[in-house]
Structure formats: structure tokens, C-alpha cells
Amino acid sequence: MLHRAPSPKKKSGIRPPSTHRNAEHRAFIRRYACLISNADCRGHLVQCCHVREGTDGWLGGKPSDYWCWPGCFHHHDEQHRIGEKSFQAKYRIDLKAVALDLARKSPVQATREAVAEYEARHG
């Protein structure tokens, strides 16, 4: 069974999409080095960075944890400052592909199941 965070009800009465949350998967992501790994990292700790564009995120809310990639503070901040499309073009990476690949390797069965469910729906 998938573990999903309850969706809070908005004032409008519309619930945002439910999302997969798992602290163990986020810890797994943080064990990796920064995806970009260059001099700008300067010893910053690795954070769990969420991919927002084209995922199950919603305005004001984070996407599911299976959309995470490892990034230091500098690169996580840059992702938000310049936008995901510009960030991916600058570093020639596909954040969604990286996040899904890591989620498939996750030690958390619920995360692997959530990704399999997503891929079955979206091809």
C-alpha cells in the first residue's frame, strides 16, 4: 500500500493532488553528492531538491518525494532563482529523469511502487 500525505483542504474547497512523502527516501537522496558537483558546492550539505515542472506538484506545494534529486544549497537555490528549464539547459541535465532513476533505486518499497504506478499511468 502506498503511503500518501493527506491532502489539506484549501479555502476554495478544492484539494491539491495527494503526494508521496517518505523521510527514508529523502535521506537516501541526501547520501549522494550534489548532482552538479563543481567548485560552487564549497562543502555545502546536500539537500533533497524537488523537481516541480511536469510533476505532481501544485501551486504552493511540493511534488512527491520521488521527484527528488541531490543538490547542494548553492545549486538548489540556483534551480529556483533561474528556473528549472534554464537550470537544466545550463548543466545539460534532465532533472525528471535523474529523480525517477533514483526513485527506482530507492531502498523504500513504497517509493518504488509509487514510481511504478506513475510510469504505468504516464508511459
Protein backbone atom coordinates (compact mmCIF):
# COMPACT_ATOMS: atom_id res chain seq x y z
CA MET A 1 0.00 0.00 0.00
CA LEU A 2 1.29 3.46 -0.88
CA HIS A 3 1.79 5.95 1.90
CA ARG A 4 0.50 9.35 0.92
CA ALA A 5 0.34 12.52 2.89
CA PRO A 6 -3.22 13.70 3.45
CA SER A 7 -4.22 16.49 1.12
CA PRO A 8 -5.14 19.60 3.07
CA LYS A 9 -8.42 21.18 2.05
CA LYS A 10 -7.98 24.63 0.57
CA LYS A 11 -10.29 27.52 1.42
CA SER A 12 -11.75 27.10 -2.06
CA GLY A 13 -12.80 23.58 -1.10
CA ILE A 14 -10.52 22.11 -3.77
CA ARG A 15 -7.97 19.60 -2.56
CA PRO A 16 -4.50 19.66 -4.13
CA PRO A 17 -3.24 16.34 -5.50
CA SER A 18 -2.10 13.80 -2.92
CA THR A 19 1.64 13.39 -2.75
CA HIS A 20 4.04 10.63 -1.76
CA ARG A 21 6.16 11.59 1.27
CA ASN A 22 8.89 9.42 2.72
CA ALA A 23 11.67 10.58 5.06
CA GLU A 24 13.73 7.43 4.42
CA HIS A 25 13.74 8.10 0.66
CA ARG A 26 14.77 11.73 1.25
CA ALA A 27 17.65 10.50 3.47
CA PHE A 28 18.66 8.12 0.65
CA ILE A 29 18.81 11.08 -1.77
CA ARG A 30 20.91 13.15 0.65
CA ARG A 31 23.56 10.39 0.79
CA TYR A 32 24.58 11.26 -2.79
CA ALA A 33 26.94 14.07 -3.76
CA CYS A 34 25.47 17.17 -5.38
CA LEU A 35 24.32 16.29 -8.90
CA ILE A 36 26.25 19.25 -10.31
CA SER A 37 29.34 18.80 -8.09
CA ASN A 38 31.55 21.72 -9.03
CA ALA A 39 33.54 24.36 -7.15
CA ASP A 40 30.32 26.23 -6.27
CA CYS A 41 29.33 23.44 -3.89
CA ARG A 42 32.11 24.52 -1.46
CA GLY A 43 31.25 21.94 1.16
CA HIS A 44 27.55 22.77 1.33
CA LEU A 45 25.50 19.88 2.66
CA VAL A 46 23.40 18.02 0.11
CA GLN A 47 19.70 18.75 0.17
CA CYS A 48 16.75 16.89 -1.23
CA CYS A 49 15.65 19.10 -4.16
CA HIS A 50 12.23 18.61 -5.76
CA VAL A 51 11.57 18.81 -9.49
CA ARG A 52 8.44 20.91 -9.95
CA GLU A 53 7.83 21.31 -13.67
CA GLY A 54 5.81 18.49 -15.20
CA THR A 55 5.35 16.63 -11.91
CA ASP A 56 2.54 16.24 -9.38
CA GLY A 57 3.45 19.46 -7.59
CA TRP A 58 0.83 22.17 -7.25
CA LEU A 59 0.93 25.88 -6.73
CA GLY A 60 2.39 26.45 -3.29
CA GLY A 61 3.01 22.74 -2.67
CA LYS A 62 5.90 20.36 -3.14
CA PRO A 63 5.67 17.43 -5.52
CA SER A 64 6.01 13.85 -4.34
CA ASP A 65 9.33 12.84 -2.84
CA TYR A 66 10.06 10.51 -5.76
CA TRP A 67 10.70 13.73 -7.75
CA CYS A 68 13.87 14.49 -5.73
CA TRP A 69 17.45 14.94 -6.83
CA PRO A 70 20.55 15.58 -4.68
CA GLY A 71 21.80 19.14 -4.73
CA CYS A 72 23.89 21.38 -2.50
CA PHE A 73 22.42 24.62 -1.15
CA HIS A 74 24.02 26.67 -3.94
CA HIS A 75 22.57 24.59 -6.78
CA HIS A 76 19.19 24.15 -5.10
CA ASP A 77 18.95 27.92 -4.75
CA GLU A 78 20.05 28.38 -8.37
CA GLN A 79 17.36 25.95 -9.55
CA HIS A 80 14.73 28.23 -8.01
CA ARG A 81 16.38 31.54 -8.97
CA ILE A 82 16.84 30.89 -12.69
CA GLY A 83 14.02 28.37 -13.14
CA GLU A 84 14.17 24.67 -13.88
CA LYS A 85 14.28 24.94 -17.66
CA SER A 86 17.25 27.33 -17.57
CA PHE A 87 18.96 25.27 -14.87
CA GLN A 88 18.62 22.05 -16.88
CA ALA A 89 19.86 23.76 -20.05
CA LYS A 90 22.84 25.30 -18.26
CA TYR A 91 24.01 21.98 -16.80
CA ARG A 92 22.67 19.76 -19.62
CA ILE A 93 20.69 17.52 -17.30
CA ASP A 94 17.16 16.15 -17.17
CA LEU A 95 16.05 16.50 -13.55
CA LYS A 96 12.92 14.38 -14.01
CA ALA A 97 14.96 11.51 -15.47
CA VAL A 98 17.51 11.75 -12.64
CA ALA A 99 14.77 11.81 -9.97
CA LEU A 100 12.92 8.83 -11.47
CA ASP A 101 16.15 6.84 -11.81
CA LEU A 102 16.99 7.46 -8.14
CA ALA A 103 13.43 6.62 -7.07
CA ARG A 104 13.64 3.29 -8.92
CA LYS A 105 16.81 2.55 -6.87
CA SER A 106 15.29 3.70 -3.58
CA PRO A 107 15.54 1.33 -0.61
CA VAL A 108 11.92 2.30 0.14
CA GLN A 109 9.44 -0.11 -1.39
CA ALA A 110 6.57 2.41 -1.22
CA THR A 111 8.64 4.88 -3.26
CA ARG A 112 9.47 2.25 -5.89
CA GLU A 113 5.77 1.31 -6.05
CA ALA A 114 4.71 4.95 -6.40
CA VAL A 115 7.14 5.41 -9.32
CA ALA A 116 5.93 2.21 -10.98
CA GLU A 117 2.35 3.46 -10.62
CA TYR A 118 3.31 6.86 -12.10
CA GLU A 119 5.14 5.23 -15.03
CA ALA A 120 2.21 2.88 -15.72
CA ARG A 121 -0.11 5.91 -15.98
CA HIS A 122 2.25 8.17 -17.95
CA GLY A 123 4.28 5.71 -20.03
